[in-house]
PDB file of all heavy atoms in Angstrom:
ATOM      1  N   ASP A   1       4.915  15.834 -68.873  1.00  0.00           N
ATOM      2  CA  ASP A   1       5.563  17.019 -68.944  1.00  0.00           C
ATOM      3  C   ASP A   1       5.857  17.378 -70.394  1.00  0.00           C
ATOM      4  O   ASP A   1       5.622  16.604 -71.234  1.00  0.00           O
ATOM      5  CB  ASP A   1       6.681  17.099 -68.038  1.00  0.00           C
ATOM      6  CG  ASP A   1       7.839  16.005 -68.394  1.00  0.00           C
ATOM      7  OD1 ASP A   1       7.741  15.457 -69.504  1.00  0.00           O
ATOM      8  OD2 ASP A   1       8.490  15.575 -67.452  1.00  0.00           O
ATOM      9  N   ARG A   2       6.579  18.377 -70.546  1.00  0.00           N
ATOM     10  CA  ARG A   2       6.938  18.841 -72.016  1.00  0.00           C
ATOM     11  C   ARG A   2       7.871  17.819 -72.690  1.00  0.00           C
ATOM     12  O   ARG A   2       7.785  17.714 -73.899  1.00  0.00           O
ATOM     13  CB  ARG A   2       7.710  20.122 -71.913  1.00  0.00           C
ATOM     14  CG  ARG A   2       6.813  21.322 -71.471  1.00  0.00           C
ATOM     15  CD  ARG A   2       7.553  22.539 -71.478  1.00  0.00           C
ATOM     16  NE  ARG A   2       6.657  23.721 -71.057  1.00  0.00           N
ATOM     17  CZ  ARG A   2       7.042  24.984 -70.877  1.00  0.00           C
ATOM     18  NH1 ARG A   2       8.299  25.407 -71.197  1.00  0.00           N
ATOM     19  NH2 ARG A   2       6.099  25.973 -70.615  1.00  0.00           N
ATOM     20  N   SER A   3       8.585  17.012 -71.988  1.00  0.00           N
ATOM     21  CA  SER A   3       9.463  16.096 -72.610  1.00  0.00           C
ATOM     22  C   SER A   3       8.777  14.769 -72.846  1.00  0.00           C
ATOM     23  O   SER A   3       9.359  13.768 -73.296  1.00  0.00           O
ATOM     24  CB  SER A   3      10.626  15.699 -71.563  1.00  0.00           C
ATOM     25  OG  SER A   3      10.258  15.238 -70.374  1.00  0.00           O
ATOM     26  N   GLY A   4       7.450  14.678 -72.324  1.00  0.00           N
ATOM     27  CA  GLY A   4       6.684  13.391 -72.701  1.00  0.00           C
ATOM     28  C   GLY A   4       6.701  12.506 -71.471  1.00  0.00           C
ATOM     29  O   GLY A   4       6.075  11.395 -71.439  1.00  0.00           O
ATOM     30  N   ARG A   5       7.473  12.863 -70.373  1.00  0.00           N
ATOM     31  CA  ARG A   5       7.503  11.785 -69.356  1.00  0.00           C
ATOM     32  C   ARG A   5       6.273  12.039 -68.353  1.00  0.00           C
ATOM     33  O   ARG A   5       5.655  13.034 -68.225  1.00  0.00           O
ATOM     34  CB  ARG A   5       8.740  12.167 -68.541  1.00  0.00           C
ATOM     35  CG  ARG A   5      10.017  11.814 -69.167  1.00  0.00           C
ATOM     36  CD  ARG A   5      11.207  12.100 -68.291  1.00  0.00           C
ATOM     37  NE  ARG A   5      11.247  13.582 -67.938  1.00  0.00           N
ATOM     38  CZ  ARG A   5      12.267  14.185 -67.326  1.00  0.00           C
ATOM     39  NH1 ARG A   5      13.223  13.393 -66.915  1.00  0.00           N
ATOM     40  NH2 ARG A   5      12.269  15.411 -67.179  1.00  0.00           N
ATOM     41  N   ILE A   6       5.912  10.869 -67.816  1.00  0.00           N
ATOM     42  CA  ILE A   6       4.714  10.852 -66.972  1.00  0.00           C
ATOM     43  C   ILE A   6       5.055  11.415 -65.568  1.00  0.00           C
ATOM     44  O   ILE A   6       6.101  11.218 -65.066  1.00  0.00           O
ATOM     45  CB  ILE A   6       4.246   9.379 -66.644  1.00  0.00           C
ATOM     46  CG1 ILE A   6       3.629   8.699 -68.030  1.00  0.00           C
ATOM     47  CG2 ILE A   6       3.054   9.422 -65.653  1.00  0.00           C
ATOM     48  CD1 ILE A   6       3.306   7.288 -67.944  1.00  0.00           C
ATOM     49  N   ARG A   7       4.184  12.401 -65.104  1.00  0.00           N
ATOM     50  CA  ARG A   7       4.407  13.040 -63.921  1.00  0.00           C
ATOM     51  C   ARG A   7       3.102  12.968 -63.069  1.00  0.00           C
ATOM     52  O   ARG A   7       2.005  12.888 -63.591  1.00  0.00           O
ATOM     53  CB  ARG A   7       4.845  14.395 -64.061  1.00  0.00           C
ATOM     54  CG  ARG A   7       3.817  15.360 -64.777  1.00  0.00           C
ATOM     55  CD  ARG A   7       4.314  16.751 -64.970  1.00  0.00           C
ATOM     56  NE  ARG A   7       3.441  17.555 -65.643  1.00  0.00           N
ATOM     57  CZ  ARG A   7       2.264  18.135 -65.039  1.00  0.00           C
ATOM     58  NH1 ARG A   7       1.976  17.809 -63.878  1.00  0.00           N
ATOM     59  NH2 ARG A   7       1.516  18.806 -65.752  1.00  0.00           N
ATOM     60  N   ALA A   8       3.310  12.975 -61.673  1.00  0.00           N
ATOM     61  CA  ALA A   8       2.185  13.134 -60.868  1.00  0.00           C
ATOM     62  C   ALA A   8       1.564  14.524 -60.765  1.00  0.00           C
ATOM     63  O   ALA A   8       2.471  15.526 -60.742  1.00  0.00           O
ATOM     64  CB  ALA A   8       2.421  12.585 -59.404  1.00  0.00           C
ATOM     65  N   LYS A   9       0.339  14.730 -60.701  1.00  0.00           N
ATOM     66  CA  LYS A   9      -0.322  16.035 -60.577  1.00  0.00           C
ATOM     67  C   LYS A   9      -0.570  16.359 -59.043  1.00  0.00           C
ATOM     68  O   LYS A   9      -1.449  15.816 -58.543  1.00  0.00           O
ATOM     69  CB  LYS A   9      -1.578  16.248 -61.397  1.00  0.00           C
ATOM     70  CG  LYS A   9      -1.412  16.000 -62.872  1.00  0.00           C
ATOM     71  CD  LYS A   9      -2.791  16.118 -63.550  1.00  0.00           C
ATOM     72  CE  LYS A   9      -2.633  15.923 -65.030  1.00  0.00           C
ATOM     73  NZ  LYS A   9      -4.011  15.922 -65.580  1.00  0.00           N
ATOM     74  N   LYS A  10       0.288  17.091 -58.493  1.00  0.00           N
ATOM     75  CA  LYS A  10       0.167  17.307 -57.012  1.00  0.00           C
ATOM     76  C   LYS A  10      -1.110  17.837 -56.680  1.00  0.00           C
ATOM     77  O   LYS A  10      -1.680  17.413 -55.589  1.00  0.00           O
ATOM     78  CB  LYS A  10       1.274  18.170 -56.490  1.00  0.00           C
ATOM     79  CG  LYS A  10       1.360  18.459 -55.055  1.00  0.00           C
ATOM     80  CD  LYS A  10       2.423  19.403 -54.688  1.00  0.00           C
ATOM     81  CE  LYS A  10       2.442  19.681 -53.192  1.00  0.00           C
ATOM     82  NZ  LYS A  10       3.504  20.582 -52.665  1.00  0.00           N
ATOM     83  N   ALA A  11      -1.714  18.810 -57.333  1.00  0.00           N
ATOM     84  CA  ALA A  11      -2.971  19.452 -57.074  1.00  0.00           C
ATOM     85  C   ALA A  11      -4.264  18.451 -57.115  1.00  0.00           C
ATOM     86  O   ALA A  11      -4.978  18.333 -56.233  1.00  0.00           O
ATOM     87  CB  ALA A  11      -3.247  20.588 -58.016  1.00  0.00           C
ATOM     88  N   VAL A  12      -3.982  17.461 -58.095  1.00  0.00           N
ATOM     89  CA  VAL A  12      -5.114  16.446 -58.121  1.00  0.00           C
ATOM     90  C   VAL A  12      -5.000  15.450 -57.069  1.00  0.00           C
ATOM     91  O   VAL A  12      -5.983  15.042 -56.383  1.00  0.00           O
ATOM     92  CB  VAL A  12      -5.117  15.770 -59.539  1.00  0.00           C
ATOM     93  CG1 VAL A  12      -6.042  14.615 -59.549  1.00  0.00           C
ATOM     94  CG2 VAL A  12      -5.129  16.633 -60.550  1.00  0.00           C
ATOM     95  N   TRP A  13      -3.766  15.146 -56.703  1.00  0.00           N
ATOM     96  CA  TRP A  13      -3.627  14.126 -55.506  1.00  0.00           C
ATOM     97  C   TRP A  13      -4.082  14.722 -54.196  1.00  0.00           C
ATOM     98  O   TRP A  13      -4.717  14.070 -53.356  1.00  0.00           O
ATOM     99  CB  TRP A  13      -2.099  13.837 -55.365  1.00  0.00           C
ATOM    100  CG  TRP A  13      -1.569  12.762 -56.208  1.00  0.00           C
ATOM    101  CD1 TRP A  13      -0.819  12.815 -57.346  1.00  0.00           C
ATOM    102  CD2 TRP A  13      -2.022  11.281 -56.220  1.00  0.00           C
ATOM    103  NE1 TRP A  13      -0.628  11.639 -57.962  1.00  0.00           N
ATOM    104  CE2 TRP A  13      -1.259  10.630 -57.288  1.00  0.00           C
ATOM    105  CE3 TRP A  13      -2.772  10.532 -55.319  1.00  0.00           C
ATOM    106  CZ2 TRP A  13      -1.464   9.301 -57.532  1.00  0.00           C
ATOM    107  CZ3 TRP A  13      -2.887   9.181 -55.644  1.00  0.00           C
ATOM    108  CH2 TRP A  13      -2.201   8.571 -56.596  1.00  0.00           C
ATOM    109  N   LEU A  14      -3.887  16.075 -54.061  1.00  0.00           N
ATOM    110  CA  LEU A  14      -4.358  16.818 -52.909  1.00  0.00           C
ATOM    111  C   LEU A  14      -5.927  16.722 -52.892  1.00  0.00           C
ATOM    112  O   LEU A  14      -6.580  16.742 -51.808  1.00  0.00           O
ATOM    113  CB  LEU A  14      -3.864  18.258 -52.799  1.00  0.00           C
ATOM    114  CG  LEU A  14      -2.406  18.418 -52.414  1.00  0.00           C
ATOM    115  CD1 LEU A  14      -1.940  19.810 -52.468  1.00  0.00           C
ATOM    116  CD2 LEU A  14      -2.311  17.958 -50.856  1.00  0.00           C
ATOM    117  N   THR A  15      -6.524  17.064 -54.057  1.00  0.00           N
ATOM    118  CA  THR A  15      -7.960  16.943 -54.138  1.00  0.00           C
ATOM    119  C   THR A  15      -8.572  15.597 -53.691  1.00  0.00           C
ATOM    120  O   THR A  15      -9.500  15.612 -52.971  1.00  0.00           O
ATOM    121  CB  THR A  15      -8.428  17.325 -55.556  1.00  0.00           C
ATOM    122  OG1 THR A  15      -8.039  18.651 -55.879  1.00  0.00           O
ATOM    123  CG2 THR A  15      -9.875  17.199 -55.703  1.00  0.00           C
ATOM    124  N   TRP A  16      -7.873  14.542 -54.154  1.00  0.00           N
ATOM    125  CA  TRP A  16      -8.395  13.181 -53.811  1.00  0.00           C
ATOM    126  C   TRP A  16      -8.178  13.010 -52.330  1.00  0.00           C
ATOM    127  O   TRP A  16      -8.967  12.318 -51.729  1.00  0.00           O
ATOM    128  CB  TRP A  16      -7.570  12.168 -54.606  1.00  0.00           C
ATOM    129  CG  TRP A  16      -8.327  11.991 -56.035  1.00  0.00           C
ATOM    130  CD1 TRP A  16      -7.832  12.237 -57.183  1.00  0.00           C
ATOM    131  CD2 TRP A  16      -9.540  11.516 -56.227  1.00  0.00           C
ATOM    132  NE1 TRP A  16      -8.563  12.052 -58.151  1.00  0.00           N
ATOM    133  CE2 TRP A  16      -9.710  11.582 -57.661  1.00  0.00           C
ATOM    134  CE3 TRP A  16     -10.691  11.147 -55.545  1.00  0.00           C
ATOM    135  CZ2 TRP A  16     -10.934  11.094 -58.335  1.00  0.00           C
ATOM    136  CZ3 TRP A  16     -11.879  10.638 -56.157  1.00  0.00           C
ATOM    137  CH2 TRP A  16     -11.936  10.766 -57.444  1.00  0.00           C
ATOM    138  N   ALA A  17      -7.175  13.547 -51.681  1.00  0.00           N
ATOM    139  CA  ALA A  17      -6.854  13.359 -50.327  1.00  0.00           C
ATOM    140  C   ALA A  17      -8.012  14.220 -49.527  1.00  0.00           C
ATOM    141  O   ALA A  17      -8.449  13.552 -48.553  1.00  0.00           O
ATOM    142  CB  ALA A  17      -5.560  14.004 -49.880  1.00  0.00           C
ATOM    143  N   LYS A  18      -8.508  15.266 -50.054  1.00  0.00           N
ATOM    144  CA  LYS A  18      -9.498  15.883 -49.423  1.00  0.00           C
ATOM    145  C   LYS A  18     -10.816  15.204 -49.588  1.00  0.00           C
ATOM    146  O   LYS A  18     -11.775  15.256 -48.748  1.00  0.00           O
ATOM    147  CB  LYS A  18      -9.712  17.496 -49.958  1.00  0.00           C
ATOM    148  CG  LYS A  18      -8.384  18.235 -49.592  1.00  0.00           C
ATOM    149  CD  LYS A  18      -8.388  19.595 -50.399  1.00  0.00           C
ATOM    150  CE  LYS A  18      -7.048  20.261 -50.173  1.00  0.00           C
ATOM    151  NZ  LYS A  18      -6.949  21.515 -51.208  1.00  0.00           N
ATOM    152  N   VAL A  19     -10.961  14.477 -50.706  1.00  0.00           N
ATOM    153  CA  VAL A  19     -12.140  13.679 -50.924  1.00  0.00           C
ATOM    154  C   VAL A  19     -12.148  12.595 -50.008  1.00  0.00           C
ATOM    155  O   VAL A  19     -13.273  12.246 -49.297  1.00  0.00           O
ATOM    156  CB  VAL A  19     -12.224  13.157 -52.370  1.00  0.00           C
ATOM    157  CG1 VAL A  19     -13.284  11.982 -52.483  1.00  0.00           C
ATOM    158  CG2 VAL A  19     -12.471  14.209 -53.344  1.00  0.00           C
ATOM    159  N   VAL A  20     -11.097  11.900 -49.579  1.00  0.00           N
ATOM    160  CA  VAL A  20     -10.999  10.927 -48.556  1.00  0.00           C
ATOM    161  C   VAL A  20     -11.350  11.422 -47.174  1.00  0.00           C
ATOM    162  O   VAL A  20     -12.202  10.700 -46.558  1.00  0.00           O
ATOM    163  CB  VAL A  20      -9.573  10.319 -48.619  1.00  0.00           C
ATOM    164  CG1 VAL A  20      -9.423   9.295 -47.398  1.00  0.00           C
ATOM    165  CG2 VAL A  20      -9.251   9.560 -49.932  1.00  0.00           C
ATOM    166  N   VAL A  21     -10.943  12.543 -46.939  1.00  0.00           N
ATOM    167  CA  VAL A  21     -11.266  13.353 -45.632  1.00  0.00           C
ATOM    168  C   VAL A  21     -12.715  13.433 -45.628  1.00  0.00           C
ATOM    169  O   VAL A  21     -13.452  13.200 -44.564  1.00  0.00           O
ATOM    170  CB  VAL A  21     -10.523  14.474 -45.466  1.00  0.00           C
ATOM    171  CG1 VAL A  21     -11.051  15.324 -44.238  1.00  0.00           C
ATOM    172  CG2 VAL A  21      -9.037  14.186 -45.283  1.00  0.00           C
ATOM    173  N   ALA A  22     -13.311  13.965 -46.696  1.00  0.00           N
ATOM    174  CA  ALA A  22     -14.816  14.197 -46.788  1.00  0.00           C
ATOM    175  C   ALA A  22     -15.620  12.960 -46.667  1.00  0.00           C
ATOM    176  O   ALA A  22     -16.796  12.920 -46.145  1.00  0.00           O
ATOM    177  CB  ALA A  22     -15.134  14.998 -48.084  1.00  0.00           C
ATOM    178  N   CYS A  23     -15.092  11.861 -47.011  1.00  0.00           N
ATOM    179  CA  CYS A  23     -15.725  10.544 -46.952  1.00  0.00           C
ATOM    180  C   CYS A  23     -15.762   9.979 -45.526  1.00  0.00           C
ATOM    181  O   CYS A  23     -16.549   8.999 -45.156  1.00  0.00           O
ATOM    182  CB  CYS A  23     -15.181   9.499 -47.887  1.00  0.00           C
ATOM    183  SG  CYS A  23     -15.504   9.884 -49.690  1.00  0.00           S
ATOM    184  N   LEU A  24     -14.976  10.288 -44.688  1.00  0.00           N
ATOM    185  CA  LEU A  24     -14.619   9.778 -43.348  1.00  0.00           C
ATOM    186  C   LEU A  24     -15.984   9.805 -42.434  1.00  0.00           C
ATOM    187  O   LEU A  24     -16.280   8.665 -41.860  1.00  0.00           O
ATOM    188  CB  LEU A  24     -13.607  10.486 -42.506  1.00  0.00           C
ATOM    189  CG  LEU A  24     -12.287  10.318 -43.174  1.00  0.00           C
ATOM    190  CD1 LEU A  24     -11.069  11.108 -42.343  1.00  0.00           C
ATOM    191  CD2 LEU A  24     -11.842   8.839 -43.193  1.00  0.00           C
ATOM    192  N   PRO A  25     -16.749  10.851 -42.439  1.00  0.00           N
ATOM    193  CA  PRO A  25     -18.012  10.762 -41.528  1.00  0.00           C
ATOM    194  C   PRO A  25     -19.037   9.839 -42.021  1.00  0.00           C
ATOM    195  O   PRO A  25     -19.843   9.430 -41.203  1.00  0.00           O
ATOM    196  CB  PRO A  25     -18.416  12.262 -41.601  1.00  0.00           C
ATOM    197  CG  PRO A  25     -17.327  13.055 -42.112  1.00  0.00           C
ATOM    198  CD  PRO A  25     -16.679  12.137 -43.031  1.00  0.00           C
TER     199      PRO A  25
END
């Protein structure tokens, strides 16, 4: 973030969650 602290990118985590779902079949 602007203060230099590490933060999680919610949108990217959601994308990877969707990738996991896409891999299930």
